[in-house]
């Protein structure tokens, strides 16, 4: 029982410090302690688990295969503990405390600043901690409780126990290099791009957008000739900005800080294709998360 109690937050933090620094001396300095007690703590942890977690050598220390797995799990435990403490304090204190929010690329250029302004104005007691990652990764962090909320684009499949709220809707437009023959057209029929090379969304990372691109091109009477794949919108945007190809992207990418791309509205059925930004949360999220969403996702007129 004593060994079980010894598996404390402090002990996990000490082990992770050694893993990150790769050296007991540097880890001890970072933790504000001397090296001998730190070495004793890690030895006690290894005895408790019955496995060797670190390989020691003249050049420092590095995790064994078991140590690498334990380090990842230990970090998750610490993150969950921190999130649990933050949630219970929010519930006890109303709308004060920390809230952890995940987001995917490009949302930081448009929707995230608006959300942060809303929180500052309407929920000034909340301290927002941001975490960037791929959609699947941040969704999983919400599922486990390590994040309270995440903003993603068109989640295809939500893990069990999660719910979503649409906070913004954008039109899909044609993205062409600024030197393209159609760049000054303003509005085009998608069929005018039938002979172009396309930057295509990776169907694994962006399944909804990938399906929409294929559907729109099919309606326009052609199959897009995929030159390259990208697993996020910034990658698709970059290929177009380089002058290598065209793509179909949400209108919000116009706020991405880069030159070289012109967005063109699409005429006909293809122009009605939308993409959504959604906030995902656990079904049992605490009232603070719900209140934040009510402030952020209030009634908004449809963009035309």
Foldseek 3Di string as FASTA:
>chain_A
DVLVVLPDLVLLQLLLLQQVVQAQCVSCVVVVHHRPVSVVSQVSVCVSVVHDQWDQDPVGIHGDPVNVVVNVVSVLVVLQVVLVVQQVCCQVPPLAGEAEEEEEPLCVLPQVVVLVVLCCVPVVRYDYDYDYDAPVVVLVCQVVRSHAKYKYKPDPDHDPQKDKDFQAKFWKWKKAFCPDPCQPVQEDAPLVCQPWEAAAEDCVRCVVRNVLQQVSVVVSPHGHHYPHYDNDPVVRNVCRQVRNTMYIGTPSCVSPPDDTMGTHQHDDPSRPDMMTIMMMHGPPRDVNVVVSCCSRRPDDDHDD
